Amino acid sequence: MSDHGIVTEAGVVVFRRVLPGPIERVWAYLTEADKRGTWLASGEMDLRVGGKAELFFDHQTLTPHKETIPEKYEGLEKGHVNHGRITRVDPPYRLSFLWDSPEPTGSEVSFELAEQGPDVLLVLTHRRLKDQAEMCSVASGWHTHLGILVDKLNGRVPQPFWATHAVVERDYEKRI
């Protein structure tokens, strides 16, 4: 299984990761602000359809590495809040929410979990991405964040966020 996201159709990128279980543990890392904040973003999630999905991104806190934020992303230095809405919730198997938009026409992120013995298959789908630039940005972000999640769940120190992101961003610009 490749770590790279796959473009399955226009505007859709899909990632697959096998994570150490149990499934309830992985679900907690998707839905509980304190755990989610260690690999993606903290923030409130009202786990019901129509509920708030607020993500507060602070990339500097995801790994112990001290890094300079790339000039392209300096606007994120003090963090970024992403406001969305839950569109589907089926604990501990499925979670979907609108990405940085309360409008149903915005892009949507879906997590699907399936038990595989002691492990959990996570399938992340980000759909309704508007163009190649957005697909590259989203793919490199998810790739980097999922790498941190894999490391955290396996008890490893994750790679530096921005250095990793820069490498995979260049790679996705060639792939997508």
N, C-alpha and C. Protein backbone atom coordinates (compact mmCIF):
# COMPACT_ATOMS: atom_id res chain seq x y z
N MET A 1 0.85 -1.18 0.00
CA MET A 1 0.00 0.00 0.00
C MET A 1 0.90 1.24 0.00
N SER A 2 0.72 2.10 -0.98
CA SER A 2 1.48 3.34 -1.07
C SER A 2 0.95 4.35 -0.07
N ASP A 3 1.84 5.17 0.46
CA ASP A 3 1.42 6.24 1.36
C ASP A 3 0.79 7.40 0.60
N HIS A 4 1.04 7.46 -0.70
CA HIS A 4 0.52 8.59 -1.48
C HIS A 4 -0.98 8.49 -1.67
N GLY A 5 -1.61 9.65 -1.65
CA GLY A 5 -3.02 9.72 -1.96
C GLY A 5 -3.23 9.40 -3.43
N ILE A 6 -4.37 8.83 -3.72
CA ILE A 6 -4.73 8.44 -5.09
C ILE A 6 -5.87 9.34 -5.56
N VAL A 7 -5.72 9.90 -6.74
CA VAL A 7 -6.81 10.66 -7.35
C VAL A 7 -7.71 9.63 -8.02
N THR A 8 -8.92 9.48 -7.49
CA THR A 8 -9.83 8.46 -8.02
C THR A 8 -10.77 9.01 -9.08
N GLU A 9 -10.96 10.30 -9.08
CA GLU A 9 -11.74 11.01 -10.11
C GLU A 9 -11.46 12.49 -9.92
N ALA A 10 -11.95 13.30 -10.83
CA ALA A 10 -11.71 14.74 -10.73
C ALA A 10 -12.20 15.27 -9.38
N GLY A 11 -11.31 15.96 -8.67
CA GLY A 11 -11.69 16.58 -7.41
C GLY A 11 -11.73 15.67 -6.21
N VAL A 12 -11.21 14.44 -6.33
CA VAL A 12 -11.25 13.48 -5.22
C VAL A 12 -9.87 12.87 -5.01
N VAL A 13 -9.40 12.89 -3.75
CA VAL A 13 -8.16 12.22 -3.39
C VAL A 13 -8.46 11.29 -2.21
N VAL A 14 -7.88 10.07 -2.27
CA VAL A 14 -8.14 9.03 -1.28
C VAL A 14 -6.81 8.54 -0.70
N PHE A 15 -6.76 8.41 0.62
CA PHE A 15 -5.60 7.86 1.33
C PHE A 15 -6.02 6.62 2.08
N ARG A 16 -5.10 5.66 2.19
CA ARG A 16 -5.33 4.45 3.00
C ARG A 16 -4.14 4.27 3.93
N ARG A 17 -4.44 3.98 5.18
CA ARG A 17 -3.40 3.69 6.16
C ARG A 17 -3.87 2.53 7.04
N VAL A 18 -2.95 1.64 7.38
CA VAL A 18 -3.23 0.59 8.36
C VAL A 18 -2.62 1.07 9.68
N LEU A 19 -3.47 1.15 10.70
CA LEU A 19 -3.08 1.70 11.99
C LEU A 19 -3.23 0.64 13.07
N PRO A 20 -2.43 0.72 14.13
CA PRO A 20 -2.61 -0.21 15.24
C PRO A 20 -3.92 0.08 15.97
N GLY A 21 -4.69 -0.97 16.22
CA GLY A 21 -5.99 -0.82 16.87
C GLY A 21 -5.86 -0.73 18.38
N PRO A 22 -6.99 -0.87 19.01
CA PRO A 22 -8.30 -1.24 18.47
C PRO A 22 -9.00 -0.06 17.79
N ILE A 23 -10.09 -0.34 17.13
CA ILE A 23 -10.82 0.67 16.36
C ILE A 23 -11.28 1.83 17.24
N GLU A 24 -11.65 1.56 18.48
CA GLU A 24 -12.10 2.63 19.39
C GLU A 24 -10.98 3.63 19.65
N ARG A 25 -9.76 3.15 19.71
CA ARG A 25 -8.61 4.03 19.91
C ARG A 25 -8.43 4.96 18.70
N VAL A 26 -8.50 4.39 17.51
CA VAL A 26 -8.36 5.20 16.30
C VAL A 26 -9.50 6.21 16.21
N TRP A 27 -10.73 5.77 16.51
CA TRP A 27 -11.88 6.67 16.50
C TRP A 27 -11.64 7.86 17.44
N ALA A 28 -11.08 7.58 18.61
CA ALA A 28 -10.80 8.66 19.57
C ALA A 28 -9.81 9.67 18.98
N TYR A 29 -8.84 9.21 18.21
CA TYR A 29 -7.87 10.11 17.59
C TYR A 29 -8.50 10.94 16.46
N LEU A 30 -9.64 10.53 15.97
CA LEU A 30 -10.36 11.32 14.97
C LEU A 30 -11.32 12.32 15.62
N THR A 31 -11.90 11.95 16.76
CA THR A 31 -13.03 12.70 17.29
C THR A 31 -12.77 13.48 18.58
N GLU A 32 -11.79 13.09 19.36
CA GLU A 32 -11.52 13.77 20.63
C GLU A 32 -10.47 14.86 20.41
N ALA A 33 -10.82 16.08 20.78
CA ALA A 33 -9.97 17.25 20.49
C ALA A 33 -8.54 17.10 20.98
N ASP A 34 -8.35 16.58 22.19
CA ASP A 34 -6.99 16.47 22.73
C ASP A 34 -6.16 15.48 21.94
N LYS A 35 -6.74 14.37 21.54
CA LYS A 35 -6.00 13.37 20.75
C LYS A 35 -5.83 13.84 19.30
N ARG A 36 -6.89 14.37 18.71
CA ARG A 36 -6.82 14.86 17.33
C ARG A 36 -5.80 15.99 17.22
N GLY A 37 -5.69 16.78 18.28
CA GLY A 37 -4.75 17.90 18.29
C GLY A 37 -3.29 17.48 18.27
N THR A 38 -3.01 16.21 18.54
CA THR A 38 -1.62 15.74 18.51
C THR A 38 -1.14 15.41 17.10
N TRP A 39 -2.08 15.28 16.15
CA TRP A 39 -1.66 14.92 14.78
C TRP A 39 -2.29 15.78 13.68
N LEU A 40 -3.42 16.41 13.97
CA LEU A 40 -4.12 17.20 12.96
C LEU A 40 -4.45 18.59 13.49
N ALA A 41 -5.50 18.66 14.29
CA ALA A 41 -5.97 19.94 14.80
C ALA A 41 -6.91 19.68 15.97
N SER A 42 -6.83 20.52 16.98
CA SER A 42 -7.77 20.42 18.09
C SER A 42 -9.06 21.11 17.66
N GLY A 43 -9.97 21.28 18.58
CA GLY A 43 -11.22 21.98 18.27
C GLY A 43 -12.43 21.11 18.52
N GLU A 44 -13.55 21.77 18.68
CA GLU A 44 -14.80 21.10 19.03
C GLU A 44 -15.41 20.38 17.83
N MET A 45 -15.90 19.17 18.10
CA MET A 45 -16.70 18.43 17.13
C MET A 45 -17.96 17.98 17.84
N ASP A 46 -19.08 18.46 17.37
CA ASP A 46 -20.39 18.07 17.87
C ASP A 46 -20.83 16.88 17.02
N LEU A 47 -20.63 15.68 17.53
CA LEU A 47 -20.77 14.46 16.74
C LEU A 47 -22.23 14.08 16.46
N ARG A 48 -22.86 14.91 15.67
CA ARG A 48 -24.21 14.64 15.15
C ARG A 48 -24.30 15.32 13.79
N VAL A 49 -25.13 14.79 12.91
CA VAL A 49 -25.29 15.41 11.60
C VAL A 49 -25.76 16.85 11.78
N GLY A 50 -25.06 17.77 11.15
CA GLY A 50 -25.33 19.20 11.29
C GLY A 50 -24.53 19.85 12.39
N GLY A 51 -23.87 19.04 13.23
CA GLY A 51 -23.07 19.58 14.32
C GLY A 51 -21.81 20.27 13.83
N LYS A 52 -21.26 21.10 14.69
CA LYS A 52 -20.05 21.87 14.37
C LYS A 52 -18.84 20.95 14.28
N ALA A 53 -18.00 21.22 13.29
CA ALA A 53 -16.70 20.55 13.16
C ALA A 53 -15.66 21.66 13.06
N GLU A 54 -15.15 22.07 14.21
CA GLU A 54 -14.19 23.17 14.26
C GLU A 54 -12.80 22.59 14.48
N LEU A 55 -11.88 22.96 13.61
CA LEU A 55 -10.51 22.47 13.72
C LEU A 55 -9.58 23.66 13.90
N PHE A 56 -8.78 23.63 14.97
CA PHE A 56 -7.78 24.66 15.19
C PHE A 56 -6.41 24.07 14.88
N PHE A 57 -5.84 24.51 13.78
CA PHE A 57 -4.54 24.01 13.33
C PHE A 57 -3.42 24.84 13.95
N ASP A 58 -2.46 24.15 14.56
CA ASP A 58 -1.25 24.78 15.07
C ASP A 58 -0.11 23.82 14.75
N HIS A 59 0.38 23.90 13.54
CA HIS A 59 1.36 22.94 13.03
C HIS A 59 2.64 22.89 13.85
N GLN A 60 2.97 23.97 14.54
CA GLN A 60 4.20 24.02 15.32
C GLN A 60 4.15 23.09 16.54
N THR A 61 2.97 22.65 16.94
CA THR A 61 2.85 21.81 18.14
C THR A 61 2.73 20.32 17.82
N LEU A 62 2.71 19.95 16.55
CA LEU A 62 2.46 18.55 16.19
C LEU A 62 3.67 17.65 16.36
N THR A 63 4.85 18.22 16.27
CA THR A 63 6.07 17.44 16.44
C THR A 63 7.00 18.21 17.38
N PRO A 64 8.00 17.54 17.95
CA PRO A 64 8.91 18.24 18.86
C PRO A 64 9.96 19.08 18.13
N HIS A 65 9.97 19.03 16.81
CA HIS A 65 10.99 19.73 16.03
C HIS A 65 10.65 21.22 15.90
N LYS A 66 11.64 22.04 16.11
CA LYS A 66 11.47 23.49 15.93
C LYS A 66 11.81 23.81 14.48
N GLU A 67 10.84 24.39 13.77
CA GLU A 67 11.03 24.66 12.35
C GLU A 67 10.60 26.08 12.02
N THR A 68 11.15 26.57 10.94
CA THR A 68 10.70 27.84 10.38
C THR A 68 9.55 27.53 9.43
N ILE A 69 8.48 28.28 9.54
CA ILE A 69 7.35 28.09 8.65
C ILE A 69 7.74 28.61 7.26
N PRO A 70 7.50 27.82 6.23
CA PRO A 70 7.81 28.30 4.88
C PRO A 70 7.06 29.60 4.57
N GLU A 71 7.70 30.45 3.81
CA GLU A 71 7.13 31.76 3.48
C GLU A 71 5.71 31.63 2.93
N LYS A 72 5.50 30.64 2.11
CA LYS A 72 4.19 30.40 1.49
C LYS A 72 3.08 30.22 2.54
N TYR A 73 3.45 29.73 3.73
CA TYR A 73 2.47 29.42 4.78
C TYR A 73 2.60 30.30 6.01
N GLU A 74 3.30 31.43 5.90
CA GLU A 74 3.50 32.31 7.06
C GLU A 74 2.20 32.77 7.69
N GLY A 75 1.14 32.83 6.93
CA GLY A 75 -0.17 33.22 7.47
C GLY A 75 -0.71 32.24 8.49
N LEU A 76 -0.11 31.05 8.55
CA LEU A 76 -0.55 30.03 9.51
C LEU A 76 0.27 30.04 10.80
N GLU A 77 1.19 30.98 10.91
CA GLU A 77 2.11 31.00 12.05
C GLU A 77 1.39 31.02 13.40
N LYS A 78 0.30 31.72 13.49
CA LYS A 78 -0.44 31.79 14.75
C LYS A 78 -1.61 30.81 14.77
N GLY A 79 -1.62 29.90 13.83
CA GLY A 79 -2.69 28.92 13.76
C GLY A 79 -3.76 29.32 12.77
N HIS A 80 -4.67 28.41 12.56
CA HIS A 80 -5.77 28.63 11.60
C HIS A 80 -6.98 27.85 12.10
N VAL A 81 -8.14 28.47 12.04
CA VAL A 81 -9.38 27.79 12.43
C VAL A 81 -10.16 27.44 11.17
N ASN A 82 -10.56 26.19 11.09
CA ASN A 82 -11.33 25.66 9.98
C ASN A 82 -12.73 25.37 10.51
N HIS A 83 -13.74 25.99 9.93
CA HIS A 83 -15.12 25.81 10.39
C HIS A 83 -15.88 24.94 9.40
N GLY A 84 -16.44 23.85 9.87
CA GLY A 84 -17.22 22.97 9.02
C GLY A 84 -18.43 22.42 9.76
N ARG A 85 -19.10 21.49 9.12
CA ARG A 85 -20.29 20.85 9.69
C ARG A 85 -20.21 19.35 9.47
N ILE A 86 -20.65 18.60 10.48
CA ILE A 86 -20.69 17.14 10.38
C ILE A 86 -21.79 16.75 9.37
N THR A 87 -21.44 15.86 8.45
CA THR A 87 -22.42 15.39 7.47
C THR A 87 -22.79 13.92 7.67
N ARG A 88 -21.93 13.19 8.38
CA ARG A 88 -22.23 11.78 8.67
C ARG A 88 -21.42 11.35 9.88
N VAL A 89 -22.06 10.59 10.74
CA VAL A 89 -21.36 10.03 11.90
C VAL A 89 -21.97 8.68 12.23
N ASP A 90 -21.09 7.67 12.30
CA ASP A 90 -21.49 6.30 12.60
C ASP A 90 -20.35 5.68 13.43
N PRO A 91 -20.31 6.00 14.75
CA PRO A 91 -19.20 5.54 15.59
C PRO A 91 -19.12 4.02 15.66
N PRO A 92 -17.96 3.44 15.67
CA PRO A 92 -16.65 4.02 15.40
C PRO A 92 -16.20 3.75 13.96
N TYR A 93 -17.08 3.82 13.01
CA TYR A 93 -16.75 3.42 11.64
C TYR A 93 -16.66 4.55 10.62
N ARG A 94 -17.50 5.56 10.75
CA ARG A 94 -17.55 6.61 9.72
C ARG A 94 -17.74 8.00 10.33
N LEU A 95 -16.99 8.93 9.78
CA LEU A 95 -17.12 10.34 10.15
C LEU A 95 -16.88 11.17 8.90
N SER A 96 -17.82 12.05 8.58
CA SER A 96 -17.66 12.96 7.44
C SER A 96 -18.04 14.37 7.88
N PHE A 97 -17.33 15.34 7.31
CA PHE A 97 -17.66 16.73 7.61
C PHE A 97 -17.26 17.63 6.45
N LEU A 98 -17.96 18.76 6.36
CA LEU A 98 -17.61 19.78 5.37
C LEU A 98 -16.32 20.44 5.81
N TRP A 99 -15.44 20.68 4.86
CA TRP A 99 -14.11 21.21 5.13
C TRP A 99 -14.10 22.72 4.97
N ASP A 100 -13.94 23.42 6.06
CA ASP A 100 -13.80 24.88 6.08
C ASP A 100 -14.95 25.59 5.38
N SER A 101 -16.15 25.01 5.52
CA SER A 101 -17.33 25.64 4.93
C SER A 101 -18.57 25.03 5.56
N PRO A 102 -19.49 25.86 6.01
CA PRO A 102 -20.75 25.31 6.50
C PRO A 102 -21.71 25.00 5.35
N GLU A 103 -21.33 25.38 4.13
CA GLU A 103 -22.20 25.20 2.97
C GLU A 103 -22.07 23.78 2.41
N PRO A 104 -23.17 23.16 2.01
CA PRO A 104 -23.11 21.80 1.49
C PRO A 104 -22.37 21.67 0.17
N THR A 105 -22.04 22.78 -0.47
CA THR A 105 -21.31 22.71 -1.73
C THR A 105 -19.80 22.72 -1.52
N GLY A 106 -19.33 22.92 -0.29
CA GLY A 106 -17.91 22.93 -0.01
C GLY A 106 -17.31 21.53 -0.10
N SER A 107 -15.99 21.45 0.01
CA SER A 107 -15.37 20.13 -0.04
C SER A 107 -15.70 19.36 1.24
N GLU A 108 -15.60 18.04 1.15
CA GLU A 108 -16.00 17.17 2.25
C GLU A 108 -14.91 16.15 2.52
N VAL A 109 -14.65 15.92 3.80
CA VAL A 109 -13.68 14.92 4.26
C VAL A 109 -14.46 13.77 4.88
N SER A 110 -14.08 12.54 4.51
CA SER A 110 -14.70 11.35 5.10
C SER A 110 -13.62 10.42 5.60
N PHE A 111 -13.81 9.93 6.81
CA PHE A 111 -12.96 8.89 7.38
C PHE A 111 -13.80 7.63 7.49
N GLU A 112 -13.27 6.52 7.01
CA GLU A 112 -13.92 5.22 7.20
C GLU A 112 -12.91 4.31 7.87
N LEU A 113 -13.37 3.61 8.90
CA LEU A 113 -12.52 2.69 9.65
C LEU A 113 -13.07 1.28 9.52
N ALA A 114 -12.16 0.31 9.36
CA ALA A 114 -12.55 -1.10 9.29
C ALA A 114 -11.50 -1.91 10.04
N GLU A 115 -11.98 -2.81 10.89
CA GLU A 115 -11.06 -3.67 11.64
C GLU A 115 -10.41 -4.68 10.71
N GLN A 116 -9.12 -4.87 10.91
CA GLN A 116 -8.34 -5.88 10.20
C GLN A 116 -7.50 -6.61 11.24
N GLY A 117 -8.12 -7.59 11.89
CA GLY A 117 -7.45 -8.26 13.00
C GLY A 117 -7.19 -7.25 14.10
N PRO A 118 -5.94 -7.16 14.59
CA PRO A 118 -5.64 -6.19 15.64
C PRO A 118 -5.46 -4.76 15.10
N ASP A 119 -5.44 -4.63 13.79
CA ASP A 119 -5.21 -3.33 13.16
C ASP A 119 -6.51 -2.72 12.66
N VAL A 120 -6.39 -1.49 12.17
CA VAL A 120 -7.55 -0.76 11.64
C VAL A 120 -7.15 -0.15 10.30
N LEU A 121 -7.96 -0.40 9.28
CA LEU A 121 -7.76 0.26 8.00
C LEU A 121 -8.50 1.59 8.05
N LEU A 122 -7.76 2.67 7.83
CA LEU A 122 -8.36 4.00 7.73
C LEU A 122 -8.36 4.39 6.26
N VAL A 123 -9.53 4.76 5.75
CA VAL A 123 -9.65 5.30 4.40
C VAL A 123 -10.15 6.73 4.54
N LEU A 124 -9.32 7.67 4.10
CA LEU A 124 -9.66 9.09 4.14
C LEU A 124 -9.94 9.53 2.71
N THR A 125 -11.10 10.11 2.50
CA THR A 125 -11.47 10.63 1.18
C THR A 125 -11.78 12.12 1.32
N HIS A 126 -11.13 12.92 0.50
CA HIS A 126 -11.43 14.36 0.45
C HIS A 126 -11.98 14.62 -0.95
N ARG A 127 -13.24 15.06 -1.02
CA ARG A 127 -13.91 15.22 -2.31
C ARG A 127 -14.38 16.66 -2.53
N ARG A 128 -14.74 16.91 -3.76
CA ARG A 128 -15.22 18.23 -4.22
C ARG A 128 -14.12 19.29 -4.12
N LEU A 129 -12.91 18.88 -4.44
CA LEU A 129 -11.79 19.82 -4.52
C LEU A 129 -11.86 20.52 -5.87
N LYS A 130 -11.68 21.82 -5.88
CA LYS A 130 -12.04 22.59 -7.07
C LYS A 130 -11.04 22.58 -8.22
N ASP A 131 -9.74 22.40 -7.92
CA ASP A 131 -8.77 22.46 -9.01
C ASP A 131 -7.48 21.74 -8.59
N GLN A 132 -6.53 21.70 -9.53
CA GLN A 132 -5.28 20.99 -9.29
C GLN A 132 -4.51 21.59 -8.12
N ALA A 133 -4.48 22.90 -8.00
CA ALA A 133 -3.75 23.55 -6.90
C ALA A 133 -4.33 23.13 -5.56
N GLU A 134 -5.65 23.12 -5.44
CA GLU A 134 -6.28 22.71 -4.19
C GLU A 134 -6.03 21.23 -3.92
N MET A 135 -6.08 20.41 -4.96
CA MET A 135 -5.82 18.97 -4.78
C MET A 135 -4.40 18.73 -4.28
N CYS A 136 -3.41 19.44 -4.84
CA CYS A 136 -2.02 19.29 -4.40
C CYS A 136 -1.85 19.75 -2.95
N SER A 137 -2.45 20.87 -2.62
CA SER A 137 -2.37 21.40 -1.26
C SER A 137 -2.98 20.44 -0.26
N VAL A 138 -4.18 19.98 -0.56
CA VAL A 138 -4.90 19.06 0.33
C VAL A 138 -4.15 17.73 0.44
N ALA A 139 -3.68 17.19 -0.69
CA ALA A 139 -2.99 15.90 -0.67
C ALA A 139 -1.71 15.97 0.16
N SER A 140 -0.93 17.03 -0.02
CA SER A 140 0.32 17.13 0.75
C SER A 140 0.04 17.35 2.23
N GLY A 141 -1.00 18.09 2.55
CA GLY A 141 -1.37 18.27 3.95
C GLY A 141 -1.81 16.97 4.60
N TRP A 142 -2.76 16.27 3.96
CA TRP A 142 -3.21 15.00 4.53
C TRP A 142 -2.08 13.99 4.63
N HIS A 143 -1.23 13.91 3.62
CA HIS A 143 -0.11 12.97 3.63
C HIS A 143 0.76 13.22 4.86
N THR A 144 1.07 14.48 5.10
CA THR A 144 1.93 14.84 6.24
C THR A 144 1.23 14.57 7.57
N HIS A 145 -0.02 14.99 7.69
CA HIS A 145 -0.76 14.77 8.94
C HIS A 145 -0.95 13.28 9.22
N LEU A 146 -1.26 12.49 8.21
CA LEU A 146 -1.44 11.05 8.42
C LEU A 146 -0.13 10.39 8.82
N GLY A 147 0.99 10.86 8.31
CA GLY A 147 2.28 10.33 8.74
C GLY A 147 2.50 10.56 10.23
N ILE A 148 2.10 11.72 10.71
CA ILE A 148 2.20 12.02 12.14
C ILE A 148 1.28 11.11 12.93
N LEU A 149 0.06 10.90 12.45
CA LEU A 149 -0.87 9.99 13.14
C LEU A 149 -0.29 8.58 13.23
N VAL A 150 0.24 8.07 12.13
CA VAL A 150 0.85 6.74 12.13
C VAL A 150 1.96 6.67 13.17
N ASP A 151 2.83 7.66 13.18
CA ASP A 151 3.93 7.67 14.15
C ASP A 151 3.41 7.73 15.58
N LYS A 152 2.47 8.61 15.85
CA LYS A 152 1.93 8.75 17.22
C LYS A 152 1.30 7.44 17.68
N LEU A 153 0.48 6.81 16.84
CA LEU A 153 -0.18 5.56 17.24
C LEU A 153 0.80 4.42 17.42
N ASN A 154 1.96 4.50 16.77
CA ASN A 154 2.99 3.47 16.92
C ASN A 154 4.04 3.84 17.96
N GLY A 155 3.83 4.94 18.68
CA GLY A 155 4.74 5.33 19.75
C GLY A 155 6.07 5.88 19.26
N ARG A 156 6.10 6.42 18.05
CA ARG A 156 7.33 6.97 17.49
C ARG A 156 7.27 8.50 17.46
N VAL A 157 8.44 9.11 17.48
CA VAL A 157 8.53 10.56 17.33
C VAL A 157 8.30 10.87 15.85
N PRO A 158 7.33 11.72 15.53
CA PRO A 158 7.05 12.02 14.13
C PRO A 158 8.13 12.88 13.48
N GLN A 159 8.19 12.80 12.17
CA GLN A 159 9.10 13.63 11.38
C GLN A 159 8.66 15.09 11.48
N PRO A 160 9.58 16.03 11.23
CA PRO A 160 9.21 17.45 11.26
C PRO A 160 8.08 17.74 10.27
N PHE A 161 7.10 18.51 10.70
CA PHE A 161 5.93 18.77 9.86
C PHE A 161 6.31 19.50 8.58
N TRP A 162 6.90 20.68 8.69
CA TRP A 162 7.11 21.52 7.51
C TRP A 162 8.13 20.94 6.55
N ALA A 163 9.19 20.33 7.06
CA ALA A 163 10.18 19.72 6.17
C ALA A 163 9.55 18.57 5.38
N THR A 164 8.76 17.75 6.07
CA THR A 164 8.08 16.64 5.40
C THR A 164 7.08 17.18 4.39
N HIS A 165 6.31 18.17 4.80
CA HIS A 165 5.29 18.76 3.92
C HIS A 165 5.92 19.30 2.64
N ALA A 166 7.06 19.97 2.74
CA ALA A 166 7.71 20.54 1.56
C ALA A 166 8.09 19.46 0.55
N VAL A 167 8.60 18.34 1.04
CA VAL A 167 8.99 17.24 0.16
C VAL A 167 7.77 16.64 -0.54
N VAL A 168 6.74 16.32 0.23
CA VAL A 168 5.57 15.67 -0.38
C VAL A 168 4.78 16.65 -1.25
N GLU A 169 4.81 17.93 -0.92
CA GLU A 169 4.11 18.92 -1.75
C GLU A 169 4.73 18.96 -3.15
N ARG A 170 6.06 18.97 -3.22
CA ARG A 170 6.73 18.94 -4.53
C ARG A 170 6.37 17.66 -5.29
N ASP A 171 6.30 16.56 -4.57
CA ASP A 171 5.97 15.28 -5.19
C ASP A 171 4.54 15.29 -5.74
N TYR A 172 3.59 15.80 -4.96
CA TYR A 172 2.20 15.85 -5.43
C TYR A 172 2.04 16.82 -6.60
N GLU A 173 2.82 17.88 -6.64
CA GLU A 173 2.74 18.81 -7.77
C GLU A 173 3.12 18.10 -9.07
N LYS A 174 3.97 17.08 -8.99
CA LYS A 174 4.33 16.29 -10.18
C LYS A 174 3.30 15.21 -10.47
N ARG A 175 2.67 14.67 -9.43
CA ARG A 175 1.75 13.54 -9.58
C ARG A 175 0.34 13.93 -10.01
N ILE A 176 -0.12 15.09 -9.53
CA ILE A 176 -1.53 15.45 -9.75
C ILE A 176 -1.66 16.40 -10.94
